[in-house]
Amino acid sequence: MCKTFVFAACCGMAVMTASAVTLVSVGDGETLTLAAHPHRNPTVHVMPAIRKACASAQPGECGVGSANDLADWRRLVPAFAADGVEWLVVKPTVHVGSLADLAASIKYLKKLLARCAH
């Protein structure tokens, strides 16, 4: 509700940074936000929606698109691309001291973005 008021009041001048983290709590939240406020999301923060069991996984096994990630990135990434998102800011959440999850996430997202380009 607050987003709708701010965006209406700013006459299309306001932009926002969406956060894909809300996927777990609101399900379709990000694609609904994109539809309600199109082309105002130049950046999306991307974090995997990790299963609880991931804490015992090795670095590289808990990134975006991993078997431990509950988010539907195959649906979300094309929606982000269609909305004109320019940056996906990836944040590892389980093994924050390792770059392995980050590297796996970037590799996965690049593959999805390549599909969007065709």
N, C-alpha and C. Protein backbone atom coordinates (compact mmCIF):
# COMPACT_ATOMS: atom_id res chain seq x y z
N MET A 1 0.82 -1.18 0.00
CA MET A 1 0.00 0.00 0.00
C MET A 1 0.87 1.25 0.00
N CYS A 2 1.91 1.28 0.82
CA CYS A 2 2.78 2.44 0.88
C CYS A 2 3.49 2.64 -0.46
N LYS A 3 3.97 1.53 -1.08
CA LYS A 3 4.62 1.63 -2.39
C LYS A 3 3.68 2.27 -3.40
N THR A 4 2.43 1.83 -3.41
CA THR A 4 1.47 2.35 -4.38
C THR A 4 1.28 3.85 -4.19
N PHE A 5 1.18 4.31 -2.95
CA PHE A 5 1.02 5.73 -2.68
C PHE A 5 2.24 6.52 -3.14
N VAL A 6 3.42 6.06 -2.79
CA VAL A 6 4.65 6.76 -3.16
C VAL A 6 4.78 6.82 -4.68
N PHE A 7 4.55 5.71 -5.36
CA PHE A 7 4.71 5.69 -6.81
C PHE A 7 3.67 6.57 -7.50
N ALA A 8 2.45 6.59 -6.99
CA ALA A 8 1.42 7.45 -7.58
C ALA A 8 1.76 8.92 -7.35
N ALA A 9 2.25 9.26 -6.18
CA ALA A 9 2.58 10.63 -5.85
C ALA A 9 3.78 11.16 -6.63
N CYS A 10 4.68 10.28 -7.02
CA CYS A 10 5.91 10.71 -7.70
C CYS A 10 5.79 10.73 -9.22
N CYS A 11 4.66 10.42 -9.75
CA CYS A 11 4.40 10.52 -11.19
C CYS A 11 5.43 9.78 -12.04
N GLY A 12 5.83 8.60 -11.64
CA GLY A 12 6.74 7.81 -12.45
C GLY A 12 8.21 8.13 -12.26
N MET A 13 8.54 9.05 -11.36
CA MET A 13 9.94 9.42 -11.15
C MET A 13 10.63 8.53 -10.13
N ALA A 14 9.89 7.87 -9.28
CA ALA A 14 10.49 7.05 -8.22
C ALA A 14 10.86 5.68 -8.76
N VAL A 15 11.99 5.19 -8.30
CA VAL A 15 12.39 3.82 -8.59
C VAL A 15 12.55 3.09 -7.27
N MET A 16 12.62 1.77 -7.34
CA MET A 16 12.81 1.02 -6.10
C MET A 16 13.79 -0.10 -6.34
N THR A 17 14.27 -0.65 -5.28
CA THR A 17 15.11 -1.83 -5.34
C THR A 17 14.28 -2.97 -4.78
N ALA A 18 13.92 -3.91 -5.65
CA ALA A 18 13.12 -5.05 -5.21
C ALA A 18 14.02 -6.05 -4.51
N SER A 19 13.43 -6.86 -3.67
CA SER A 19 14.16 -7.89 -2.97
C SER A 19 13.48 -9.22 -3.18
N ALA A 20 14.18 -10.14 -3.80
CA ALA A 20 13.60 -11.46 -4.08
C ALA A 20 13.47 -12.30 -2.82
N VAL A 21 13.97 -11.83 -1.70
CA VAL A 21 13.87 -12.57 -0.44
C VAL A 21 12.42 -12.78 -0.03
N THR A 22 11.53 -11.90 -0.41
CA THR A 22 10.13 -12.01 0.00
C THR A 22 9.44 -13.21 -0.63
N LEU A 23 10.08 -13.90 -1.53
CA LEU A 23 9.47 -15.06 -2.18
C LEU A 23 8.98 -16.09 -1.18
N VAL A 24 9.77 -16.36 -0.19
CA VAL A 24 9.41 -17.39 0.78
C VAL A 24 8.17 -17.00 1.57
N SER A 25 8.09 -15.73 1.96
CA SER A 25 7.00 -15.32 2.83
C SER A 25 5.73 -14.93 2.07
N VAL A 26 5.83 -14.40 0.87
CA VAL A 26 4.63 -13.98 0.17
C VAL A 26 4.41 -14.69 -1.16
N GLY A 27 5.20 -15.67 -1.45
CA GLY A 27 4.97 -16.47 -2.65
C GLY A 27 5.23 -15.72 -3.93
N ASP A 28 4.23 -15.06 -4.49
CA ASP A 28 4.34 -14.41 -5.78
C ASP A 28 4.61 -12.91 -5.63
N GLY A 29 5.11 -12.49 -4.49
CA GLY A 29 5.26 -11.08 -4.19
C GLY A 29 6.03 -10.27 -5.21
N GLU A 30 7.16 -10.76 -5.66
CA GLU A 30 7.99 -9.97 -6.56
C GLU A 30 7.35 -9.77 -7.92
N THR A 31 6.75 -10.81 -8.50
CA THR A 31 6.14 -10.61 -9.81
C THR A 31 4.90 -9.72 -9.70
N LEU A 32 4.19 -9.78 -8.57
CA LEU A 32 3.07 -8.86 -8.37
C LEU A 32 3.56 -7.42 -8.25
N THR A 33 4.68 -7.22 -7.55
CA THR A 33 5.26 -5.88 -7.43
C THR A 33 5.68 -5.36 -8.79
N LEU A 34 6.29 -6.20 -9.60
CA LEU A 34 6.71 -5.79 -10.94
C LEU A 34 5.50 -5.39 -11.78
N ALA A 35 4.43 -6.14 -11.69
CA ALA A 35 3.23 -5.84 -12.48
C ALA A 35 2.57 -4.55 -12.00
N ALA A 36 2.55 -4.33 -10.70
CA ALA A 36 1.90 -3.14 -10.15
C ALA A 36 2.72 -1.88 -10.40
N HIS A 37 4.05 -2.02 -10.45
CA HIS A 37 4.94 -0.87 -10.60
C HIS A 37 5.98 -1.17 -11.68
N PRO A 38 5.55 -1.28 -12.94
CA PRO A 38 6.47 -1.71 -14.00
C PRO A 38 7.59 -0.72 -14.27
N HIS A 39 8.74 -1.28 -14.62
CA HIS A 39 9.92 -0.53 -15.06
C HIS A 39 10.44 0.45 -14.02
N ARG A 40 10.26 0.11 -12.76
CA ARG A 40 10.79 0.93 -11.66
C ARG A 40 11.74 0.13 -10.79
N ASN A 41 12.25 -0.96 -11.32
CA ASN A 41 13.08 -1.87 -10.54
C ASN A 41 14.41 -2.08 -11.24
N PRO A 42 15.31 -1.12 -11.22
CA PRO A 42 16.58 -1.30 -11.92
C PRO A 42 17.49 -2.34 -11.26
N THR A 43 17.25 -2.61 -9.98
CA THR A 43 18.09 -3.53 -9.24
C THR A 43 17.21 -4.48 -8.42
N VAL A 44 17.57 -5.76 -8.42
CA VAL A 44 16.87 -6.73 -7.59
C VAL A 44 17.92 -7.45 -6.74
N HIS A 45 17.69 -7.48 -5.44
CA HIS A 45 18.56 -8.24 -4.54
C HIS A 45 18.14 -9.71 -4.61
N VAL A 46 19.08 -10.56 -4.92
CA VAL A 46 18.80 -11.98 -5.14
C VAL A 46 19.49 -12.80 -4.05
N MET A 47 18.68 -13.50 -3.28
CA MET A 47 19.19 -14.40 -2.25
C MET A 47 18.44 -15.72 -2.37
N PRO A 48 19.13 -16.82 -2.20
CA PRO A 48 18.43 -18.10 -2.28
C PRO A 48 17.46 -18.28 -1.11
N ALA A 49 16.35 -18.93 -1.38
CA ALA A 49 15.39 -19.29 -0.33
C ALA A 49 15.78 -20.68 0.15
N ILE A 50 16.65 -20.74 1.11
CA ILE A 50 17.33 -21.97 1.51
C ILE A 50 16.49 -22.86 2.42
N ARG A 51 16.57 -24.16 2.12
CA ARG A 51 15.96 -25.17 2.99
C ARG A 51 16.74 -25.19 4.32
N LYS A 52 16.08 -25.55 5.38
CA LYS A 52 16.73 -25.60 6.70
C LYS A 52 17.90 -26.59 6.72
N ALA A 53 17.80 -27.65 5.96
CA ALA A 53 18.84 -28.68 5.95
C ALA A 53 20.14 -28.20 5.32
N CYS A 54 20.14 -27.06 4.70
CA CYS A 54 21.31 -26.58 3.98
C CYS A 54 22.47 -26.24 4.91
N ALA A 55 22.21 -26.03 6.17
CA ALA A 55 23.27 -25.67 7.11
C ALA A 55 24.38 -26.73 7.14
N SER A 56 24.05 -27.96 6.84
CA SER A 56 25.06 -29.03 6.84
C SER A 56 25.68 -29.24 5.46
N ALA A 57 25.27 -28.48 4.47
CA ALA A 57 25.79 -28.62 3.11
C ALA A 57 27.17 -27.97 2.99
N GLN A 58 27.88 -28.35 1.95
CA GLN A 58 29.21 -27.81 1.68
C GLN A 58 29.09 -26.48 0.93
N PRO A 59 30.12 -25.62 1.02
CA PRO A 59 30.11 -24.40 0.22
C PRO A 59 29.94 -24.74 -1.27
N GLY A 60 29.10 -23.98 -1.93
CA GLY A 60 28.80 -24.22 -3.35
C GLY A 60 27.50 -24.97 -3.55
N GLU A 61 26.91 -25.48 -2.46
CA GLU A 61 25.67 -26.25 -2.55
C GLU A 61 24.44 -25.47 -2.10
N CYS A 62 24.60 -24.21 -1.76
CA CYS A 62 23.47 -23.43 -1.23
C CYS A 62 23.28 -22.10 -1.96
N GLY A 63 23.66 -22.05 -3.19
CA GLY A 63 23.51 -20.82 -3.95
C GLY A 63 22.15 -20.72 -4.61
N VAL A 64 21.94 -19.63 -5.33
CA VAL A 64 20.72 -19.41 -6.10
C VAL A 64 20.62 -20.52 -7.15
N GLY A 65 19.46 -21.16 -7.21
CA GLY A 65 19.24 -22.22 -8.19
C GLY A 65 19.76 -23.58 -7.78
N SER A 66 20.34 -23.69 -6.59
CA SER A 66 20.84 -24.98 -6.13
C SER A 66 19.67 -25.88 -5.73
N ALA A 67 19.96 -27.14 -5.50
CA ALA A 67 18.93 -28.08 -5.06
C ALA A 67 18.35 -27.67 -3.71
N ASN A 68 19.08 -26.85 -2.95
CA ASN A 68 18.63 -26.40 -1.64
C ASN A 68 17.85 -25.09 -1.69
N ASP A 69 17.68 -24.52 -2.86
CA ASP A 69 16.98 -23.24 -3.03
C ASP A 69 15.52 -23.50 -3.42
N LEU A 70 14.60 -22.95 -2.66
CA LEU A 70 13.18 -23.16 -2.89
C LEU A 70 12.55 -22.18 -3.89
N ALA A 71 13.26 -21.14 -4.28
CA ALA A 71 12.71 -20.11 -5.17
C ALA A 71 12.61 -20.62 -6.60
N ASP A 72 11.64 -20.10 -7.33
CA ASP A 72 11.42 -20.48 -8.73
C ASP A 72 12.09 -19.46 -9.65
N TRP A 73 13.41 -19.54 -9.76
CA TRP A 73 14.17 -18.57 -10.55
C TRP A 73 13.87 -18.68 -12.04
N ARG A 74 13.46 -19.84 -12.52
CA ARG A 74 13.12 -19.99 -13.94
C ARG A 74 11.90 -19.14 -14.31
N ARG A 75 11.08 -18.84 -13.34
CA ARG A 75 9.93 -17.96 -13.55
C ARG A 75 10.30 -16.50 -13.27
N LEU A 76 11.08 -16.28 -12.23
CA LEU A 76 11.38 -14.93 -11.80
C LEU A 76 12.37 -14.19 -12.70
N VAL A 77 13.43 -14.83 -13.13
CA VAL A 77 14.45 -14.14 -13.92
C VAL A 77 13.88 -13.60 -15.23
N PRO A 78 13.08 -14.37 -15.97
CA PRO A 78 12.46 -13.79 -17.18
C PRO A 78 11.54 -12.60 -16.85
N ALA A 79 10.84 -12.67 -15.71
CA ALA A 79 9.98 -11.55 -15.31
C ALA A 79 10.83 -10.31 -15.00
N PHE A 80 11.96 -10.51 -14.34
CA PHE A 80 12.87 -9.39 -14.06
C PHE A 80 13.39 -8.80 -15.37
N ALA A 81 13.82 -9.67 -16.29
CA ALA A 81 14.36 -9.21 -17.57
C ALA A 81 13.31 -8.44 -18.37
N ALA A 82 12.09 -8.94 -18.40
CA ALA A 82 11.01 -8.28 -19.13
C ALA A 82 10.69 -6.91 -18.54
N ASP A 83 10.90 -6.75 -17.23
CA ASP A 83 10.63 -5.48 -16.57
C ASP A 83 11.75 -4.47 -16.76
N GLY A 84 12.88 -4.92 -17.28
CA GLY A 84 13.99 -4.00 -17.50
C GLY A 84 14.99 -3.93 -16.36
N VAL A 85 14.96 -4.93 -15.47
CA VAL A 85 15.94 -4.97 -14.39
C VAL A 85 17.34 -5.01 -15.02
N GLU A 86 18.22 -4.16 -14.54
CA GLU A 86 19.57 -4.07 -15.09
C GLU A 86 20.61 -4.77 -14.24
N TRP A 87 20.35 -4.92 -12.96
CA TRP A 87 21.33 -5.50 -12.04
C TRP A 87 20.67 -6.52 -11.13
N LEU A 88 21.28 -7.67 -10.99
CA LEU A 88 20.90 -8.66 -9.99
C LEU A 88 22.03 -8.67 -8.96
N VAL A 89 21.73 -8.25 -7.76
CA VAL A 89 22.73 -8.20 -6.69
C VAL A 89 22.60 -9.50 -5.90
N VAL A 90 23.61 -10.35 -5.99
CA VAL A 90 23.56 -11.68 -5.40
C VAL A 90 24.25 -11.68 -4.04
N LYS A 91 23.56 -12.26 -3.06
CA LYS A 91 24.11 -12.32 -1.71
C LYS A 91 24.05 -13.76 -1.21
N PRO A 92 25.19 -14.35 -0.88
CA PRO A 92 25.15 -15.69 -0.28
C PRO A 92 24.61 -15.60 1.14
N THR A 93 23.91 -16.63 1.57
CA THR A 93 23.28 -16.57 2.89
C THR A 93 23.74 -17.65 3.87
N VAL A 94 24.29 -18.74 3.38
CA VAL A 94 24.66 -19.83 4.28
C VAL A 94 26.15 -19.82 4.59
N HIS A 95 26.98 -19.88 3.58
CA HIS A 95 28.44 -19.91 3.75
C HIS A 95 28.99 -18.53 3.40
N VAL A 96 28.75 -17.55 4.25
CA VAL A 96 29.11 -16.18 3.93
C VAL A 96 30.61 -15.95 3.87
N GLY A 97 31.39 -16.83 4.44
CA GLY A 97 32.85 -16.71 4.38
C GLY A 97 33.46 -17.35 3.16
N SER A 98 32.65 -17.92 2.30
CA SER A 98 33.13 -18.61 1.10
C SER A 98 32.51 -17.95 -0.13
N LEU A 99 33.24 -17.93 -1.22
CA LEU A 99 32.72 -17.40 -2.48
C LEU A 99 32.09 -18.50 -3.34
N ALA A 100 32.10 -19.74 -2.87
CA ALA A 100 31.60 -20.86 -3.67
C ALA A 100 30.11 -20.74 -3.98
N ASP A 101 29.28 -20.38 -3.01
CA ASP A 101 27.85 -20.22 -3.26
C ASP A 101 27.60 -19.04 -4.20
N LEU A 102 28.36 -17.98 -4.01
CA LEU A 102 28.23 -16.81 -4.88
C LEU A 102 28.59 -17.16 -6.33
N ALA A 103 29.69 -17.87 -6.52
CA ALA A 103 30.11 -18.28 -7.87
C ALA A 103 29.07 -19.19 -8.52
N ALA A 104 28.53 -20.13 -7.76
CA ALA A 104 27.51 -21.04 -8.29
C ALA A 104 26.24 -20.26 -8.64
N SER A 105 25.88 -19.28 -7.82
CA SER A 105 24.70 -18.46 -8.07
C SER A 105 24.85 -17.65 -9.36
N ILE A 106 25.99 -17.02 -9.52
CA ILE A 106 26.24 -16.20 -10.71
C ILE A 106 26.22 -17.06 -11.97
N LYS A 107 26.83 -18.22 -11.91
CA LYS A 107 26.83 -19.14 -13.06
C LYS A 107 25.40 -19.52 -13.44
N TYR A 108 24.59 -19.86 -12.46
CA TYR A 108 23.20 -20.25 -12.70
C TYR A 108 22.40 -19.09 -13.29
N LEU A 109 22.53 -17.91 -12.71
CA LEU A 109 21.77 -16.75 -13.19
C LEU A 109 22.18 -16.35 -14.60
N LYS A 110 23.47 -16.44 -14.92
CA LYS A 110 23.93 -16.13 -16.28
C LYS A 110 23.30 -17.07 -17.29
N LYS A 111 23.16 -18.34 -16.92
CA LYS A 111 22.52 -19.32 -17.80
C LYS A 111 21.06 -18.94 -18.06
N LEU A 112 20.35 -18.55 -17.01
CA LEU A 112 18.95 -18.14 -17.16
C LEU A 112 18.83 -16.86 -17.98
N LEU A 113 19.72 -15.92 -17.75
CA LEU A 113 19.67 -14.66 -18.50
C LEU A 113 19.99 -14.87 -19.97
N ALA A 114 20.87 -15.82 -20.27
CA ALA A 114 21.18 -16.13 -21.67
C ALA A 114 19.93 -16.65 -22.39
N ARG A 115 19.13 -17.43 -21.69
CA ARG A 115 17.87 -17.93 -22.27
C ARG A 115 16.89 -16.79 -22.54
N CYS A 116 16.90 -15.78 -21.66
CA CYS A 116 16.00 -14.63 -21.83
C CYS A 116 16.38 -13.80 -23.05
N ALA A 117 17.66 -13.79 -23.38
CA ALA A 117 18.15 -12.96 -24.49
C ALA A 117 17.76 -13.52 -25.84
N HIS A 118 17.39 -14.79 -25.90
CA HIS A 118 17.06 -15.41 -27.19
C HIS A 118 15.59 -15.34 -27.49
